[in-house]
Amino acid sequence: MPQPPAPRRTLGRPPRISREEVVAAARRIVDAEGVDRLTMRRLATEIGSTPMALYHHVRNKDQLLVLLLDDYAARTLRRPEVPDEPRERVVAAAAAIHEALADCPWIVEVLTADDLMSASALWFVEQIVDGLVAGGLSPERAVHGYRAIWYYTAGEIMIRATAARRRRTDDGPTYRDQVFAALDPDELPRLSEVAQRWAPLTAEDTYLDGLRALVDGLLAAR
C-alpha cells in the first residue's frame, strides 16, 4: 500500500531566549571579562542571538545592569537579625551589604554611578535610615548619614579590590614602598615611625571598626 505523504515541516521562528538566559549570559561576561566588556553586541554573541532580539527583554545596558544587580542581590544578600538598638541596627545592615559585595567589586563599580540600584537591596537601606532616625536624626539627615556610610563601604571595597589586583600582577616593591623607605624623620616623624609597618597595618581588615566610629559620629552630631 502506498504510504501517506510525510507531514510537511513548517518553518517557524527559532525559540526565543528568556530573560533568565539573558541575565545568566551577562553574568558570565562580567565575571570573566569585567563590566566594561558588557555590551548588547557582546551579549548577543554570547547567547548566539542578535542585538535586536535582546531588546525584547532589556531596553539598554542600564536596564541590563539593574537586572544583574537584582539577580546578584537575590542570590547573595541575606537579611541579618535586626537588633533593637538603633546603632547596632545600622551597623548590622551596613555590614551585611559589605559582606555581600566584598567578593564582587564590579557590583560596587556599577552602584557608584548613583542612579542605578537594586530594589532587592532596599530593605538594607531602610534599616540604616530607620536606625539613624531612631537614633535621633531627622529623616533628611538620616539620608545624608546613609550616603556617608555607603561611600565609606563602597570606597573600602574598591580600594581593597584594586590593591589585590595590583598585587596579583606585580610582586615587586610598590611606588609607595619606595617613598616610605626614603622618608625624612625630621620632617615626617610620625610616618617615619610606622613606615616599615605601613603596608601590613593598612592591609588589616578594620571595616567594622571604621563603620562603628562613623555611626557613632553621625549619631553624636544630632
Foldseek 3Di string as FASTA:
>chain_A
DDDDDDDDDDDDDDDADDLVLLLVLQVVCCVVPNPVPDALQVSCVSVVHHSVSCCVRPVGVLRSLQVNQQVLCVVFQDDDPQDPQLLVNLLSLLVSVLVSCLVPLSNLVSCVVVPHDHPSSVVSVVSQLVSLVVLPDDSVLSVVLSVVSSVLSSVVSVVLVVVVVVCVVDVDDDPLLVVLVPDDCVVVVVSVVCSVVVVVVVNDPCSSVVSSVSSVVSSVVD
